[in-house]
Amino acid sequence: MNATELKVIDDATSEAKLSEGCPACGGRLDVRLSAEGVFTVCVHCHLLGRAHLVKDEDAGLELRLVARARA
């Protein structure tokens, strides 16, 4: 899955949009990467989550989502 849009906010913060990235509904997942961590929200089902980036030798970077709430 590739980011459809990547925006650099400042030296420590970036945002990405992952089409069909939500594990709950398959909707677009918006991701914010900052010094505080990686946070996600699905624009379709409103699933809020905290994610972890894991480096995999074969797959590259993997985003692992821990669902926190639904807004």
N, C-alpha and C. Protein backbone atom coordinates (compact mmCIF):
# COMPACT_ATOMS: atom_id res chain seq x y z
N MET A 1 0.84 -1.16 0.00
CA MET A 1 0.00 0.00 0.00
C MET A 1 0.89 1.23 0.00
N ASN A 2 0.64 2.15 -0.89
CA ASN A 2 1.43 3.36 -0.99
C ASN A 2 0.65 4.55 -0.49
N ALA A 3 1.37 5.52 0.03
CA ALA A 3 0.73 6.77 0.45
C ALA A 3 0.27 7.51 -0.80
N THR A 4 -0.98 7.96 -0.79
CA THR A 4 -1.49 8.71 -1.93
C THR A 4 -1.10 10.17 -1.85
N GLU A 5 -0.78 10.63 -0.65
CA GLU A 5 -0.36 12.01 -0.46
C GLU A 5 0.55 12.06 0.76
N LEU A 6 1.66 12.75 0.63
CA LEU A 6 2.60 12.91 1.74
C LEU A 6 2.88 14.39 1.89
N LYS A 7 2.72 14.89 3.11
CA LYS A 7 2.90 16.32 3.38
C LYS A 7 3.86 16.47 4.55
N VAL A 8 4.92 17.24 4.36
CA VAL A 8 5.87 17.52 5.42
C VAL A 8 5.43 18.81 6.10
N ILE A 9 5.12 18.72 7.38
CA ILE A 9 4.67 19.88 8.15
C ILE A 9 5.87 20.70 8.62
N ASP A 10 6.83 20.03 9.26
CA ASP A 10 8.08 20.64 9.68
C ASP A 10 9.13 19.54 9.78
N ASP A 11 10.28 19.84 10.37
CA ASP A 11 11.37 18.85 10.44
C ASP A 11 10.99 17.59 11.21
N ALA A 12 10.04 17.69 12.13
CA ALA A 12 9.70 16.55 12.98
C ALA A 12 8.32 15.97 12.72
N THR A 13 7.54 16.54 11.81
CA THR A 13 6.16 16.11 11.62
C THR A 13 5.82 15.96 10.14
N SER A 14 5.19 14.83 9.81
CA SER A 14 4.72 14.57 8.45
C SER A 14 3.34 13.93 8.52
N GLU A 15 2.58 14.07 7.45
CA GLU A 15 1.28 13.44 7.35
C GLU A 15 1.19 12.66 6.04
N ALA A 16 0.47 11.55 6.08
CA ALA A 16 0.27 10.73 4.88
C ALA A 16 -1.17 10.27 4.84
N LYS A 17 -1.66 10.00 3.64
CA LYS A 17 -2.99 9.44 3.43
C LYS A 17 -2.80 8.09 2.75
N LEU A 18 -3.35 7.05 3.36
CA LEU A 18 -3.24 5.70 2.82
C LEU A 18 -4.61 5.25 2.33
N SER A 19 -4.77 5.16 1.03
CA SER A 19 -6.05 4.71 0.49
C SER A 19 -6.26 3.25 0.89
N GLU A 20 -7.46 2.92 1.29
CA GLU A 20 -7.84 1.56 1.69
C GLU A 20 -6.95 1.02 2.80
N GLY A 21 -6.52 1.90 3.74
CA GLY A 21 -5.60 1.50 4.80
C GLY A 21 -6.25 1.14 6.12
N CYS A 22 -7.54 1.45 6.30
CA CYS A 22 -8.19 1.16 7.58
C CYS A 22 -8.40 -0.34 7.75
N PRO A 23 -7.92 -0.90 8.86
CA PRO A 23 -8.11 -2.35 9.07
C PRO A 23 -9.56 -2.72 9.40
N ALA A 24 -10.37 -1.75 9.83
CA ALA A 24 -11.75 -2.04 10.21
C ALA A 24 -12.70 -2.01 9.02
N CYS A 25 -12.57 -0.97 8.17
CA CYS A 25 -13.55 -0.82 7.09
C CYS A 25 -12.93 -0.73 5.69
N GLY A 26 -11.62 -0.61 5.61
CA GLY A 26 -10.96 -0.50 4.32
C GLY A 26 -10.95 0.91 3.75
N GLY A 27 -11.40 1.89 4.54
CA GLY A 27 -11.42 3.27 4.08
C GLY A 27 -10.05 3.93 4.13
N ARG A 28 -10.00 5.21 3.73
CA ARG A 28 -8.73 5.94 3.73
C ARG A 28 -8.27 6.19 5.16
N LEU A 29 -7.01 5.94 5.41
CA LEU A 29 -6.42 6.12 6.73
C LEU A 29 -5.45 7.29 6.66
N ASP A 30 -5.71 8.31 7.48
CA ASP A 30 -4.81 9.45 7.58
C ASP A 30 -3.83 9.19 8.71
N VAL A 31 -2.55 9.40 8.45
CA VAL A 31 -1.48 9.07 9.40
C VAL A 31 -0.66 10.32 9.67
N ARG A 32 -0.38 10.60 10.95
CA ARG A 32 0.50 11.70 11.34
C ARG A 32 1.69 11.11 12.09
N LEU A 33 2.89 11.40 11.57
CA LEU A 33 4.13 10.96 12.19
C LEU A 33 4.79 12.18 12.81
N SER A 34 5.08 12.10 14.12
CA SER A 34 5.72 13.21 14.80
C SER A 34 6.61 12.66 15.91
N ALA A 35 7.26 13.57 16.61
CA ALA A 35 8.12 13.16 17.72
C ALA A 35 7.31 12.49 18.83
N GLU A 36 6.02 12.79 18.92
CA GLU A 36 5.16 12.18 19.94
C GLU A 36 4.71 10.78 19.57
N GLY A 37 4.86 10.39 18.33
CA GLY A 37 4.46 9.06 17.89
C GLY A 37 3.73 9.09 16.56
N VAL A 38 3.10 7.97 16.23
CA VAL A 38 2.36 7.82 14.98
C VAL A 38 0.89 7.66 15.33
N PHE A 39 0.06 8.56 14.82
CA PHE A 39 -1.36 8.55 15.12
C PHE A 39 -2.15 8.40 13.83
N THR A 40 -3.30 7.72 13.90
CA THR A 40 -4.09 7.46 12.70
C THR A 40 -5.56 7.78 12.95
N VAL A 41 -6.27 8.11 11.87
CA VAL A 41 -7.72 8.26 11.91
C VAL A 41 -8.27 7.83 10.55
N CYS A 42 -9.35 7.06 10.58
CA CYS A 42 -10.03 6.68 9.35
C CYS A 42 -11.09 7.74 9.06
N VAL A 43 -11.06 8.30 7.86
CA VAL A 43 -12.03 9.34 7.53
C VAL A 43 -13.42 8.77 7.25
N HIS A 44 -13.52 7.44 7.09
CA HIS A 44 -14.81 6.84 6.80
C HIS A 44 -15.52 6.36 8.08
N CYS A 45 -14.86 5.50 8.87
CA CYS A 45 -15.52 4.93 10.06
C CYS A 45 -15.07 5.61 11.36
N HIS A 46 -14.14 6.56 11.26
CA HIS A 46 -13.66 7.36 12.39
C HIS A 46 -12.92 6.56 13.46
N LEU A 47 -12.29 5.48 13.05
CA LEU A 47 -11.47 4.69 13.96
C LEU A 47 -10.19 5.48 14.27
N LEU A 48 -9.94 5.72 15.55
CA LEU A 48 -8.73 6.41 15.98
C LEU A 48 -7.73 5.38 16.46
N GLY A 49 -6.47 5.60 16.16
CA GLY A 49 -5.48 4.62 16.58
C GLY A 49 -4.10 5.21 16.79
N ARG A 50 -3.29 4.41 17.41
CA ARG A 50 -1.88 4.72 17.59
C ARG A 50 -1.14 3.62 16.84
N ALA A 51 -0.15 4.00 16.09
CA ALA A 51 0.53 3.01 15.26
C ALA A 51 2.01 2.94 15.61
N HIS A 52 2.61 1.86 15.19
CA HIS A 52 4.04 1.64 15.36
C HIS A 52 4.61 1.28 14.00
N LEU A 53 5.73 1.89 13.65
CA LEU A 53 6.43 1.52 12.43
C LEU A 53 7.45 0.45 12.76
N VAL A 54 7.42 -0.64 12.03
CA VAL A 54 8.31 -1.76 12.26
C VAL A 54 9.07 -2.03 10.97
N LYS A 55 10.39 -2.10 11.07
CA LYS A 55 11.20 -2.39 9.89
C LYS A 55 11.27 -3.89 9.68
N ASP A 56 10.90 -4.32 8.48
CA ASP A 56 10.90 -5.73 8.12
C ASP A 56 11.92 -5.92 7.01
N GLU A 57 12.77 -6.92 7.14
CA GLU A 57 13.83 -7.17 6.16
C GLU A 57 13.27 -7.38 4.75
N ASP A 58 12.14 -8.09 4.64
CA ASP A 58 11.58 -8.42 3.33
C ASP A 58 10.59 -7.37 2.83
N ALA A 59 9.76 -6.84 3.73
CA ALA A 59 8.66 -5.97 3.31
C ALA A 59 8.98 -4.49 3.43
N GLY A 60 10.09 -4.12 4.02
CA GLY A 60 10.40 -2.70 4.23
C GLY A 60 9.78 -2.23 5.54
N LEU A 61 9.06 -1.11 5.50
CA LEU A 61 8.40 -0.60 6.70
C LEU A 61 6.97 -1.13 6.78
N GLU A 62 6.58 -1.54 7.98
CA GLU A 62 5.24 -2.04 8.22
C GLU A 62 4.59 -1.15 9.27
N LEU A 63 3.34 -0.75 9.03
CA LEU A 63 2.59 0.07 9.96
C LEU A 63 1.68 -0.86 10.75
N ARG A 64 1.87 -0.93 12.05
CA ARG A 64 1.03 -1.77 12.91
C ARG A 64 0.13 -0.86 13.73
N LEU A 65 -1.17 -1.02 13.57
CA LEU A 65 -2.15 -0.14 14.19
C LEU A 65 -2.72 -0.76 15.45
N VAL A 66 -2.78 0.04 16.51
CA VAL A 66 -3.44 -0.35 17.75
C VAL A 66 -4.67 0.57 17.86
N ALA A 67 -5.86 0.01 17.64
CA ALA A 67 -7.08 0.82 17.69
C ALA A 67 -7.31 1.31 19.11
N ARG A 68 -7.68 2.58 19.23
CA ARG A 68 -7.90 3.20 20.54
C ARG A 68 -9.37 3.51 20.79
N ALA A 69 -10.07 4.04 19.77
CA ALA A 69 -11.45 4.47 19.97
C ALA A 69 -12.11 4.71 18.63
N ARG A 70 -13.40 4.89 18.66
CA ARG A 70 -14.16 5.35 17.51
C ARG A 70 -14.78 6.67 17.90
N ALA A 71 -14.59 7.66 17.04
CA ALA A 71 -15.14 9.00 17.34
C ALA A 71 -16.51 9.15 16.74
